[in-house]
N, C-alpha and C. Protein backbone atom coordinates (compact mmCIF):
# COMPACT_ATOMS: atom_id res chain seq x y z
N MET A 1 1.02 -0.92 -0.18
CA MET A 1 0.33 0.01 -0.23
C MET A 1 0.68 1.02 -0.12
N GLY A 2 0.57 2.33 -0.53
CA GLY A 2 1.47 3.55 -0.58
C GLY A 2 0.57 4.44 -0.76
N ILE A 3 1.51 5.71 -0.25
CA ILE A 3 0.70 7.00 -0.24
C ILE A 3 0.11 7.56 -1.65
N LYS A 4 -1.09 7.50 -2.05
CA LYS A 4 -1.38 8.65 -3.63
C LYS A 4 -1.33 10.02 -3.39
N HIS A 5 -1.75 10.18 -2.79
CA HIS A 5 -1.64 11.38 -2.51
C HIS A 5 -2.00 12.79 -0.64
N VAL A 6 -1.04 13.64 -0.59
CA VAL A 6 -1.23 13.83 0.89
C VAL A 6 -1.81 15.61 0.52
N LEU A 7 -3.18 15.41 1.46
CA LEU A 7 -3.43 17.10 1.82
C LEU A 7 -3.52 17.59 2.99
N THR A 8 -3.50 18.35 2.93
CA THR A 8 -2.36 19.08 4.06
C THR A 8 -3.20 20.53 4.25
N GLY A 9 -3.03 21.12 5.27
CA GLY A 9 -3.69 22.47 5.84
C GLY A 9 -4.89 22.89 5.52
N VAL A 10 -5.66 21.56 5.34
CA VAL A 10 -7.29 21.46 5.32
C VAL A 10 -7.86 21.33 6.92
N PRO A 11 -8.87 22.85 7.24
CA PRO A 11 -9.41 22.91 8.18
C PRO A 11 -10.23 21.28 8.66
N LYS A 12 -10.62 21.18 9.37
CA LYS A 12 -11.06 19.93 9.66
C LYS A 12 -13.20 20.13 8.98
N GLU A 13 -13.57 21.52 8.88
CA GLU A 13 -14.46 21.52 8.90
C GLU A 13 -15.01 22.14 7.33
N LYS A 14 -13.48 22.36 6.64
CA LYS A 14 -13.65 22.42 5.00
C LYS A 14 -13.68 21.33 4.20
N LEU A 15 -13.13 19.72 4.90
CA LEU A 15 -12.81 18.51 4.56
C LEU A 15 -14.35 18.32 4.25
N PRO A 16 -14.59 17.12 2.89
CA PRO A 16 -16.09 16.65 2.59
C PRO A 16 -16.57 15.86 3.84
N ALA A 17 -17.13 16.04 3.98
CA ALA A 17 -18.14 14.42 4.87
C ALA A 17 -18.16 13.01 4.59
N THR A 18 -17.35 13.71 3.58
CA THR A 18 -17.49 11.15 3.19
C THR A 18 -16.05 11.22 3.75
N GLU A 19 -14.95 12.33 3.72
CA GLU A 19 -13.71 12.48 4.24
C GLU A 19 -13.38 12.19 5.77
N TRP A 20 -14.74 12.29 6.42
CA TRP A 20 -14.14 12.70 8.15
C TRP A 20 -15.11 11.70 8.91
N ASN A 21 -14.47 11.65 9.95
CA ASN A 21 -15.06 10.33 10.82
C ASN A 21 -14.87 11.08 12.08
N LYS A 22 -14.89 11.73 12.74
CA LYS A 22 -14.47 11.76 14.05
C LYS A 22 -14.70 10.92 15.39
N ASP A 23 -15.33 10.24 14.93
CA ASP A 23 -15.68 8.69 15.76
C ASP A 23 -14.29 7.52 15.79
N HIS A 24 -13.52 7.59 14.93
CA HIS A 24 -12.48 6.80 14.86
C HIS A 24 -11.72 6.88 14.05
N GLU A 25 -12.13 8.69 13.18
CA GLU A 25 -10.50 9.35 12.21
C GLU A 25 -10.37 8.85 11.00
N ILE A 26 -11.55 7.53 10.67
CA ILE A 26 -11.07 7.36 9.38
C ILE A 26 -11.97 7.21 8.60
N THR A 27 -12.28 7.01 7.51
CA THR A 27 -12.65 6.79 6.44
C THR A 27 -12.87 5.94 5.03
N SER A 28 -13.75 5.08 4.99
CA SER A 28 -12.92 4.05 3.72
C SER A 28 -14.16 3.87 2.50
N ASN A 29 -13.96 3.57 1.48
CA ASN A 29 -14.49 3.90 0.49
C ASN A 29 -14.18 2.27 0.01
N VAL A 30 -14.63 1.86 -1.91
CA VAL A 30 -14.14 0.55 -2.26
C VAL A 30 -12.52 0.63 -2.73
N GLU A 31 -12.39 2.52 -2.76
CA GLU A 31 -11.21 2.81 -3.84
C GLU A 31 -10.06 3.57 -2.63
N THR A 32 -10.60 3.93 -1.59
CA THR A 32 -9.85 4.70 -1.51
C THR A 32 -10.06 4.84 0.35
N ALA A 33 -8.65 4.78 0.80
CA ALA A 33 -9.16 5.28 2.51
C ALA A 33 -8.28 6.52 3.09
N TYR A 34 -8.88 7.59 4.29
CA TYR A 34 -7.65 8.40 4.55
C TYR A 34 -7.75 8.44 5.91
N ASP A 35 -6.54 8.39 6.18
CA ASP A 35 -6.25 8.74 7.38
C ASP A 35 -5.68 9.92 8.00
N MET A 36 -7.02 10.28 8.85
CA MET A 36 -6.80 11.57 8.53
C MET A 36 -5.99 11.67 10.14
N GLY A 37 -5.10 13.01 10.65
CA GLY A 37 -4.52 13.00 10.83
C GLY A 37 -5.00 14.89 11.58
N VAL A 38 -4.72 15.05 12.42
CA VAL A 38 -4.67 16.50 13.08
C VAL A 38 -3.04 17.62 13.29
N ILE A 39 -2.96 18.70 13.01
CA ILE A 39 -1.96 19.81 13.38
C ILE A 39 -2.65 20.85 14.18
N ILE A 40 -2.37 20.36 15.73
CA ILE A 40 -3.08 21.44 16.53
C ILE A 40 -2.40 23.29 16.17
N GLY A 41 -3.28 23.93 16.24
CA GLY A 41 -3.22 24.99 15.83
C GLY A 41 -2.46 26.06 16.57
N GLY A 42 -2.37 25.72 18.16
CA GLY A 42 -1.74 26.67 19.07
C GLY A 42 -2.26 28.07 19.42
N THR A 43 -1.18 28.36 20.50
CA THR A 43 -2.02 29.80 20.37
C THR A 43 -0.43 31.74 20.20
N ASP A 44 -1.05 32.28 20.22
CA ASP A 44 -0.67 33.31 20.25
C ASP A 44 -0.66 34.99 20.94
N GLU A 45 0.56 35.21 20.92
CA GLU A 45 -0.32 36.31 22.28
C GLU A 45 1.40 37.17 22.35
N GLN A 46 1.16 38.64 23.01
CA GLN A 46 1.18 39.64 23.08
C GLN A 46 0.73 40.50 24.83
N THR A 47 0.73 40.35 25.45
CA THR A 47 0.29 40.70 26.91
C THR A 47 1.35 42.04 27.79
N THR A 48 2.34 42.42 27.43
CA THR A 48 2.90 43.63 28.02
C THR A 48 2.08 44.46 28.06
N ALA A 49 1.87 45.00 28.79
CA ALA A 49 1.72 46.91 29.06
C ALA A 49 1.33 47.76 29.64
N ASN A 50 1.56 48.81 29.07
CA ASN A 50 2.37 49.87 30.11
C ASN A 50 1.00 51.50 29.89
N THR A 51 -0.07 51.00 28.58
CA THR A 51 -0.09 52.33 28.52
C THR A 51 -1.78 51.47 28.12
N ASP A 52 -2.70 52.50 27.53
CA ASP A 52 -3.55 52.98 26.20
C ASP A 52 -3.50 53.76 25.44
N LEU A 53 -4.33 53.70 24.28
CA LEU A 53 -4.75 54.31 23.67
C LEU A 53 -6.25 53.93 23.31
N TYR A 54 -6.86 55.29 22.59
CA TYR A 54 -8.46 55.20 22.76
C TYR A 54 -8.74 55.43 21.17
N LEU A 55 -9.96 54.54 21.48
CA LEU A 55 -10.76 54.96 19.42
C LEU A 55 -12.01 55.69 19.74
N CYS A 56 -11.95 56.52 18.52
CA CYS A 56 -13.36 57.63 18.90
C CYS A 56 -13.16 57.90 17.44
N SER A 57 -14.29 58.92 17.10
CA SER A 57 -14.73 58.84 15.43
C SER A 57 -13.63 60.38 15.02
N ASN A 58 -12.55 60.51 15.99
CA ASN A 58 -12.24 62.08 15.68
C ASN A 58 -10.34 61.78 16.40
N ARG A 59 -10.24 60.51 16.34
CA ARG A 59 -8.87 60.17 17.11
C ARG A 59 -8.52 59.15 15.91
N TYR A 60 -7.95 57.90 17.08
CA TYR A 60 -7.77 56.97 16.54
C TYR A 60 -8.68 56.01 16.18
N THR A 61 -9.34 55.80 14.87
CA THR A 61 -10.57 54.15 14.57
C THR A 61 -9.57 52.99 14.13
N ARG A 62 -8.55 53.13 14.16
CA ARG A 62 -8.03 51.10 13.91
C ARG A 62 -6.64 51.34 15.50
N LEU A 63 -7.22 50.40 16.21
CA LEU A 63 -5.67 49.95 16.84
C LEU A 63 -5.33 48.37 16.25
N GLY A 64 -3.88 48.46 16.25
CA GLY A 64 -3.87 46.75 16.45
C GLY A 64 -2.57 45.91 16.10
N GLN A 65 -2.17 45.22 15.45
CA GLN A 65 -0.33 44.87 15.04
C GLN A 65 -0.49 44.32 14.08
N LYS A 66 0.76 44.88 13.53
CA LYS A 66 1.08 44.36 12.39
C LYS A 66 1.91 42.56 12.40
N LYS A 67 1.76 41.81 11.77
CA LYS A 67 2.56 40.41 12.46
C LYS A 67 2.02 39.59 10.97
N THR A 68 3.33 38.61 11.00
CA THR A 68 2.91 37.98 9.91
C THR A 68 2.43 36.15 10.40
N ILE A 69 1.34 36.07 10.00
CA ILE A 69 0.62 34.16 10.48
C ILE A 69 0.97 33.47 8.96
N THR A 70 1.78 32.53 9.57
CA THR A 70 2.11 31.79 8.60
C THR A 70 1.54 30.31 8.55
N ASN A 71 0.30 30.07 7.10
CA ASN A 71 -0.07 28.53 7.93
C ASN A 71 -1.05 28.10 8.93
N LYS A 72 -1.75 29.44 9.10
CA LYS A 72 -2.94 28.87 10.05
C LYS A 72 -3.55 29.91 9.41
N ALA A 73 -5.15 29.46 10.65
CA ALA A 73 -6.09 29.84 10.69
C ALA A 73 -6.79 30.52 11.77
N VAL A 74 -6.84 32.03 11.62
CA VAL A 74 -7.56 32.97 13.37
C VAL A 74 -8.51 32.28 13.77
N LYS A 75 -8.59 31.57 14.68
CA LYS A 75 -10.45 31.11 15.23
C LYS A 75 -10.75 32.04 16.00
N LYS A 76 -10.15 32.75 17.09
CA LYS A 76 -10.41 33.92 17.95
C LYS A 76 -9.27 34.74 18.48
N LEU A 77 -9.32 35.82 18.42
CA LEU A 77 -8.99 36.87 18.75
C LEU A 77 -9.84 37.41 19.83
N THR A 78 -8.89 38.94 20.30
CA THR A 78 -8.90 39.11 21.98
C THR A 78 -8.04 39.94 22.24
N PHE A 79 -8.18 41.22 22.33
CA PHE A 79 -7.95 42.75 22.30
C PHE A 79 -8.24 42.76 24.60
N ASN A 80 -7.68 43.84 25.17
CA ASN A 80 -8.42 43.68 26.10
C ASN A 80 -9.13 45.71 26.28
N LEU A 81 -9.47 45.44 26.12
CA LEU A 81 -11.13 46.96 26.02
C LEU A 81 -11.74 47.23 27.88
N LYS A 82 -12.28 48.88 27.21
CA LYS A 82 -12.90 49.26 28.00
C LYS A 82 -13.38 50.47 27.31
N LYS A 83 -14.65 50.94 28.01
CA LYS A 83 -14.55 52.41 27.80
C LYS A 83 -14.76 53.78 28.24
N GLY A 84 -14.81 54.64 28.20
CA GLY A 84 -14.91 55.98 28.08
C GLY A 84 -16.49 56.50 27.94
N GLY A 85 -16.72 57.38 28.99
CA GLY A 85 -18.13 58.36 28.73
C GLY A 85 -19.23 56.82 28.29
N SER A 86 -19.53 57.58 27.43
CA SER A 86 -20.62 56.88 26.34
C SER A 86 -20.96 56.17 25.07
N PRO A 87 -19.82 55.62 25.09
CA PRO A 87 -19.55 55.49 23.91
C PRO A 87 -20.64 54.47 23.23
N THR A 88 -21.25 54.97 21.33
CA THR A 88 -21.82 53.91 21.23
C THR A 88 -21.41 53.62 19.41
N GLY A 89 -21.77 52.62 19.49
CA GLY A 89 -21.38 52.24 17.61
C GLY A 89 -21.14 50.65 17.89
N ASP A 90 -20.77 50.34 17.17
CA ASP A 90 -20.14 48.99 16.53
C ASP A 90 -18.38 49.50 16.83
N VAL A 91 -18.56 47.67 17.51
CA VAL A 91 -16.44 47.33 17.96
C VAL A 91 -16.79 46.24 16.76
N ASN A 92 -15.80 46.38 15.86
CA ASN A 92 -15.49 45.64 15.50
C ASN A 92 -13.81 44.95 15.36
N TYR A 93 -13.45 43.66 15.31
CA TYR A 93 -12.45 42.88 15.16
C TYR A 93 -11.80 42.86 13.22
N THR A 94 -10.89 43.35 13.21
CA THR A 94 -10.49 43.23 11.48
C THR A 94 -9.35 41.79 11.31
N ILE A 95 -9.02 41.43 10.38
CA ILE A 95 -8.10 40.96 9.91
C ILE A 95 -7.90 41.16 8.76
N ARG A 96 -6.80 42.59 8.13
CA ARG A 96 -6.68 43.20 7.07
C ARG A 96 -5.22 42.59 6.41
N LYS A 97 -5.04 42.79 4.74
CA LYS A 97 -4.10 42.42 4.84
C LYS A 97 -2.97 44.02 4.85
N SER A 98 -2.05 43.43 5.14
CA SER A 98 -1.16 44.56 5.31
C SER A 98 -0.94 45.05 4.44
N SER A 99 -0.54 44.69 3.44
CA SER A 99 -0.04 44.89 1.71
C SER A 99 -0.99 45.94 1.48
N ASP A 100 -2.32 46.53 1.43
CA ASP A 100 -3.45 47.16 0.58
C ASP A 100 -4.79 47.65 2.01
N ASN A 101 -4.66 46.88 3.14
CA ASN A 101 -5.24 47.24 4.11
C ASN A 101 -7.03 46.75 3.48
N SER A 102 -7.02 45.79 3.07
CA SER A 102 -8.06 45.38 2.72
C SER A 102 -8.85 43.95 3.20
N ILE A 103 -10.01 44.35 3.88
CA ILE A 103 -10.23 43.63 4.79
C ILE A 103 -10.64 41.17 4.70
N ILE A 104 -9.65 40.58 5.76
CA ILE A 104 -9.43 39.10 4.99
C ILE A 104 -11.16 38.82 5.84
N LEU A 105 -10.79 38.98 7.26
CA LEU A 105 -12.02 38.93 8.62
C LEU A 105 -12.88 40.05 8.92
N GLU A 106 -13.80 39.73 9.02
CA GLU A 106 -14.57 41.30 10.21
C GLU A 106 -15.79 40.90 10.61
N GLU A 107 -15.79 40.93 12.27
CA GLU A 107 -16.52 40.36 12.96
C GLU A 107 -17.28 41.71 14.08
N THR A 108 -18.48 42.00 14.07
CA THR A 108 -18.50 43.09 15.19
C THR A 108 -18.33 42.18 16.86
N LEU A 109 -17.78 43.01 17.75
CA LEU A 109 -18.03 42.33 18.90
C LEU A 109 -19.28 42.68 19.49
N CYS A 110 -19.42 44.34 19.52
CA CYS A 110 -20.52 44.64 20.83
C CYS A 110 -20.80 46.60 19.98
N ASN A 111 -22.13 46.45 20.41
CA ASN A 111 -22.18 48.01 20.44
C ASN A 111 -21.32 48.65 21.97
N ALA A 112 -20.45 49.90 21.60
CA ALA A 112 -19.56 50.32 22.80
C ALA A 112 -20.48 50.53 23.61
N SER A 113 -20.93 50.81 24.05
CA SER A 113 -22.17 50.92 25.31
C SER A 113 -21.67 49.83 26.03
N GLU A 114 -22.09 48.04 25.16
CA GLU A 114 -21.91 46.99 26.34
C GLU A 114 -20.47 47.22 26.71
N LEU A 115 -19.46 47.51 26.36
CA LEU A 115 -18.72 47.25 27.10
C LEU A 115 -18.53 47.86 28.67
N THR A 116 -17.31 47.27 29.20
CA THR A 116 -17.79 47.61 31.15
C THR A 116 -16.45 49.43 31.16
N ILE A 117 -16.67 49.74 32.27
CA ILE A 117 -15.43 50.56 32.65
C ILE A 117 -14.15 50.26 33.47
N SER A 118 -14.07 49.50 33.19
CA SER A 118 -13.06 48.05 33.83
C SER A 118 -12.46 47.29 32.52
N TRP A 119 -11.48 46.60 33.04
CA TRP A 119 -10.61 46.20 31.77
C TRP A 119 -11.10 45.42 31.73
N ILE A 120 -11.45 44.74 30.47
CA ILE A 120 -11.57 43.11 30.64
C ILE A 120 -11.07 42.94 29.41
N GLU A 121 -10.39 41.36 29.07
CA GLU A 121 -10.46 40.71 28.15
C GLU A 121 -11.24 40.29 26.71
N TYR A 122 -12.09 40.72 26.04
CA TYR A 122 -12.90 40.60 25.03
C TYR A 122 -12.32 39.95 24.57
N GLU A 123 -12.93 38.52 23.99
CA GLU A 123 -12.30 37.75 22.95
C GLU A 123 -13.95 37.34 21.87
N LEU A 124 -13.93 37.28 20.94
CA LEU A 124 -14.24 36.48 19.88
C LEU A 124 -13.73 35.92 18.90
N THR A 125 -15.15 34.85 18.69
CA THR A 125 -14.53 33.50 17.71
C THR A 125 -15.59 33.83 16.37
N PHE A 126 -14.43 33.49 15.08
CA PHE A 126 -14.82 34.20 13.89
C PHE A 126 -15.52 33.01 13.19
N PRO A 127 -16.80 33.45 12.95
CA PRO A 127 -17.47 31.78 12.10
C PRO A 127 -16.98 31.87 10.88
N THR A 128 -16.27 32.18 10.29
CA THR A 128 -15.29 31.57 9.34
C THR A 128 -13.71 32.25 9.82
N MET A 129 -12.92 30.66 8.84
CA MET A 129 -12.65 31.24 9.46
C MET A 129 -11.24 31.03 7.62
N ILE A 130 -10.57 31.33 7.52
CA ILE A 130 -9.26 31.48 6.18
C ILE A 130 -7.63 31.42 6.70
N MET A 131 -7.31 30.50 6.04
CA MET A 131 -5.78 30.05 6.37
C MET A 131 -5.32 31.17 6.07
N LEU A 132 -4.25 31.17 6.08
CA LEU A 132 -3.55 32.59 6.30
C LEU A 132 -1.98 32.22 5.55
N ASN A 133 -1.23 33.10 5.21
CA ASN A 133 0.17 32.86 4.60
C ASN A 133 0.95 34.52 4.25
N GLU A 134 0.54 35.39 5.29
CA GLU A 134 1.43 36.57 5.06
C GLU A 134 0.78 37.70 6.17
N GLU A 135 1.53 39.05 5.64
CA GLU A 135 1.91 39.70 6.75
C GLU A 135 -0.29 40.32 6.64
N VAL A 136 -0.54 40.35 7.81
CA VAL A 136 -1.26 41.29 8.21
C VAL A 136 -1.60 42.04 9.46
N LEU A 137 -3.11 42.33 9.64
CA LEU A 137 -3.19 43.90 10.52
C LEU A 137 -4.27 43.65 11.39
N ILE A 138 -4.15 42.55 12.71
CA ILE A 138 -4.89 41.91 13.89
C ILE A 138 -6.14 43.48 14.44
N SER A 139 -6.77 44.00 14.72
CA SER A 139 -7.00 45.30 14.94
C SER A 139 -8.42 44.99 15.43
N VAL A 140 -8.79 46.41 16.08
CA VAL A 140 -10.18 46.34 17.07
C VAL A 140 -10.52 47.71 16.38
N GLU A 141 -11.87 48.13 15.60
CA GLU A 141 -11.63 49.74 14.79
C GLU A 141 -12.98 49.77 15.54
N PHE A 142 -13.36 50.95 15.56
CA PHE A 142 -14.30 52.25 16.41
C PHE A 142 -14.33 53.32 15.88
N SER A 143 -15.41 53.64 15.37
CA SER A 143 -15.00 55.50 15.68
C SER A 143 -16.90 55.78 15.62
N GLY A 144 -17.45 55.62 16.09
CA GLY A 144 -18.89 56.02 16.53
C GLY A 144 -19.28 57.26 17.40
N THR A 145 -18.31 57.39 18.23
CA THR A 145 -18.77 58.52 19.12
C THR A 145 -17.19 59.76 19.01
N PRO A 146 -17.25 61.01 19.23
CA PRO A 146 -15.76 61.64 19.90
C PRO A 146 -16.03 61.40 20.67
N ALA A 147 -14.49 61.98 20.86
CA ALA A 147 -13.39 61.43 22.12
C ALA A 147 -14.16 61.60 23.53
N ASP A 148 -14.67 61.80 23.64
CA ASP A 148 -15.15 61.98 25.42
C ASP A 148 -16.86 60.61 25.74
N ASN A 149 -16.58 59.70 25.01
CA ASN A 149 -16.75 58.94 24.25
C ASN A 149 -16.40 57.58 23.79
N CYS A 150 -15.61 57.06 24.18
CA CYS A 150 -14.68 56.71 23.31
C CYS A 150 -14.86 55.40 24.49
N VAL A 151 -13.43 54.15 23.23
CA VAL A 151 -13.01 52.55 22.85
C VAL A 151 -11.15 52.51 24.12
N PHE A 152 -10.81 52.51 25.14
CA PHE A 152 -9.67 52.36 25.36
C PHE A 152 -9.05 50.77 24.86
N ALA A 153 -7.61 50.91 24.29
CA ALA A 153 -7.42 49.93 24.65
C ALA A 153 -5.31 49.87 25.34
N LYS A 154 -5.69 48.71 25.46
CA LYS A 154 -4.31 48.28 26.53
C LYS A 154 -3.37 47.93 24.83
N CYS A 155 -2.00 49.13 25.32
CA CYS A 155 -0.70 48.68 24.16
C CYS A 155 0.31 48.69 25.20
N ASN A 156 1.47 48.45 24.41
CA ASN A 156 2.77 48.74 25.42
C ASN A 156 3.86 50.09 24.80
N TYR A 157 3.68 50.41 25.03
CA TYR A 157 5.32 51.92 24.49
C TYR A 157 6.35 51.47 24.82
N GLY A 158 6.97 50.50 24.24
CA GLY A 158 8.56 49.62 24.54
C GLY A 158 8.25 48.59 23.26
N ASP A 159 9.38 47.97 22.70
CA ASP A 159 9.37 47.04 21.44
C ASP A 159 9.55 45.52 22.47
N VAL A 160 8.32 45.02 22.30
CA VAL A 160 8.36 43.59 22.94
C VAL A 160 8.85 42.50 22.25
N LYS A 161 7.54 42.38 20.92
CA LYS A 161 7.80 41.50 19.59
C LYS A 161 8.48 42.13 18.05
N PRO A 162 10.17 41.93 18.12
CA PRO A 162 10.71 42.58 17.77
C PRO A 162 9.98 42.23 16.04
N ASP A 163 9.57 41.06 15.50
CA ASP A 163 8.99 40.92 14.32
C ASP A 163 7.90 41.24 14.28
N GLU A 164 7.47 42.16 15.02
CA GLU A 164 6.07 42.55 14.88
C GLU A 164 6.16 44.27 15.77
N MET A 165 4.81 44.81 14.83
CA MET A 165 5.06 46.19 15.74
C MET A 165 3.63 46.94 16.14
N LEU A 166 3.15 47.62 16.47
CA LEU A 166 1.63 48.11 16.48
C LEU A 166 1.77 48.85 15.11
N SER A 167 0.06 48.86 14.89
CA SER A 167 -0.23 49.57 13.45
C SER A 167 -1.50 50.35 13.46
N HIS A 168 -1.57 51.19 13.46
CA HIS A 168 -2.86 52.66 13.99
C HIS A 168 -3.40 53.40 12.96
N VAL A 169 -4.62 54.04 12.28
CA VAL A 169 -5.17 54.54 11.56
C VAL A 169 -5.92 56.00 12.79
N TYR A 170 -4.90 56.64 12.11
CA TYR A 170 -5.61 58.36 12.46
C TYR A 170 -5.44 58.73 11.53
N GLY A 171 -6.56 60.13 11.54
CA GLY A 171 -7.30 60.89 10.39
C GLY A 171 -7.46 60.55 9.61
N GLY A 172 -7.67 59.03 8.96
CA GLY A 172 -7.48 57.96 8.09
C GLY A 172 -6.32 57.73 7.81
N GLU A 173 -5.34 57.28 7.89
CA GLU A 173 -3.74 57.61 7.49
C GLU A 173 -3.12 56.59 8.95
N ARG A 174 -2.78 55.80 7.89
CA ARG A 174 -2.15 54.26 8.67
C ARG A 174 -0.60 54.48 8.67
N THR A 175 -0.44 54.09 10.32
CA THR A 175 1.01 54.57 10.52
C THR A 175 1.33 53.21 11.36
N ASP A 176 3.07 52.40 10.28
CA ASP A 176 2.81 51.49 11.75
C ASP A 176 4.06 51.91 12.32
N ASP A 177 4.60 51.86 14.09
CA ASP A 177 5.11 52.03 14.60
C ASP A 177 5.90 51.26 15.29
N PRO A 178 7.83 51.07 14.52
CA PRO A 178 7.56 49.74 15.60
C PRO A 178 8.45 49.60 17.13
N ALA A 179 8.07 51.05 17.42
CA ALA A 179 8.29 51.67 19.58
C ALA A 179 7.21 50.64 20.12
N TRP A 180 5.96 50.24 19.34
CA TRP A 180 4.99 50.37 20.43
C TRP A 180 4.62 48.99 20.16
N ASP A 181 3.89 48.13 20.32
CA ASP A 181 2.94 46.78 20.54
C ASP A 181 1.23 46.58 20.98
N MET A 182 0.49 46.29 20.63
CA MET A 182 -0.80 45.52 21.26
C MET A 182 -0.54 44.71 21.66
N TYR A 183 -1.34 45.01 22.76
CA TYR A 183 -1.81 43.77 23.70
C TYR A 183 -2.89 42.78 23.27
N TYR A 184 -2.41 41.52 23.22
CA TYR A 184 -3.55 40.65 22.14
C TYR A 184 -3.30 39.62 22.15
N LYS A 185 -4.67 38.68 21.88
CA LYS A 185 -4.39 37.08 22.00
C LYS A 185 -5.23 36.61 20.50
N LEU A 186 -4.56 35.52 20.14
CA LEU A 186 -4.83 34.99 19.44
C LEU A 186 -5.08 33.56 19.42
N GLU A 187 -6.11 32.88 18.74
CA GLU A 187 -6.05 30.97 19.63
C GLU A 187 -5.80 30.94 17.59
N TYR A 188 -5.19 30.08 17.40
CA TYR A 188 -5.46 28.88 15.50
C TYR A 188 -5.99 28.04 15.59
N ALA A 189 -6.91 28.50 14.99
CA ALA A 189 -7.63 26.72 14.52
C ALA A 189 -7.09 25.69 14.45
N ASN A 190 -7.17 24.08 14.68
CA ASN A 190 -6.55 22.73 14.49
C ASN A 190 -6.61 22.70 12.99
N GLN A 191 -6.32 21.41 12.77
CA GLN A 191 -5.69 22.05 10.52
C GLN A 191 -5.91 19.90 10.80
N ARG A 192 -6.98 20.00 10.24
CA ARG A 192 -7.20 18.15 9.85
C ARG A 192 -6.21 17.89 8.31
N PHE A 193 -5.29 16.96 8.39
CA PHE A 193 -4.77 16.32 6.71
C PHE A 193 -5.34 15.13 6.25
N ALA A 194 -5.59 14.76 5.59
CA ALA A 194 -5.78 13.25 4.94
C ALA A 194 -4.95 13.36 4.14
N ARG A 195 -4.01 12.22 4.56
CA ARG A 195 -3.25 10.78 3.31
C ARG A 195 -4.29 10.11 2.87
N GLU A 196 -4.45 9.95 1.83
CA GLU A 196 -5.33 8.84 0.93
C GLU A 196 -4.17 8.29 0.22
N PHE A 197 -4.25 6.69 0.79
CA PHE A 197 -3.63 5.05 0.05
C PHE A 197 -4.60 4.45 -0.80
N TYR A 198 -4.18 4.02 -1.40
CA TYR A 198 -4.61 3.21 -2.71
C TYR A 198 -3.63 1.33 -2.51
């Protein structure tokens, strides 16, 4: 018996149902059998923080981290947030292409009014997962109300992760600042792979 071909980097959810059996991790038919394996997605984070920045309609409208993600799909994204005053409007978590700022994934966390006045790690699970293999911007975005009614996000002044940096949008213009890092947590999706035998 030899290996006919190998399918790698395929999330479990994307595999055809006939090729996946969660109880036995193997299926077969008359012609082929699929040996199912798993690659644990893992986590990544930057949780050093000594200050904060705030999002509002007339200041920062996007705060995040520029980083490279290699052959992984983001399942969960977390930022450490709180509100100031009485902000309203959607707080969105996004993953964008660093090359052109285009959106890869976007999901609403909540209305800013629902945030607390104390620091909390707000975790969002993306309903759709896309394999990433590029430099991206993982961000929290808010532009609903002016400065007295804002969303605060924890960050660090001082480089913590040398190959990453804070990225922000102020006045409609993006700046990447290697002297800063955003506070964030990432959880990657497990990936299933199938080896087809003959």
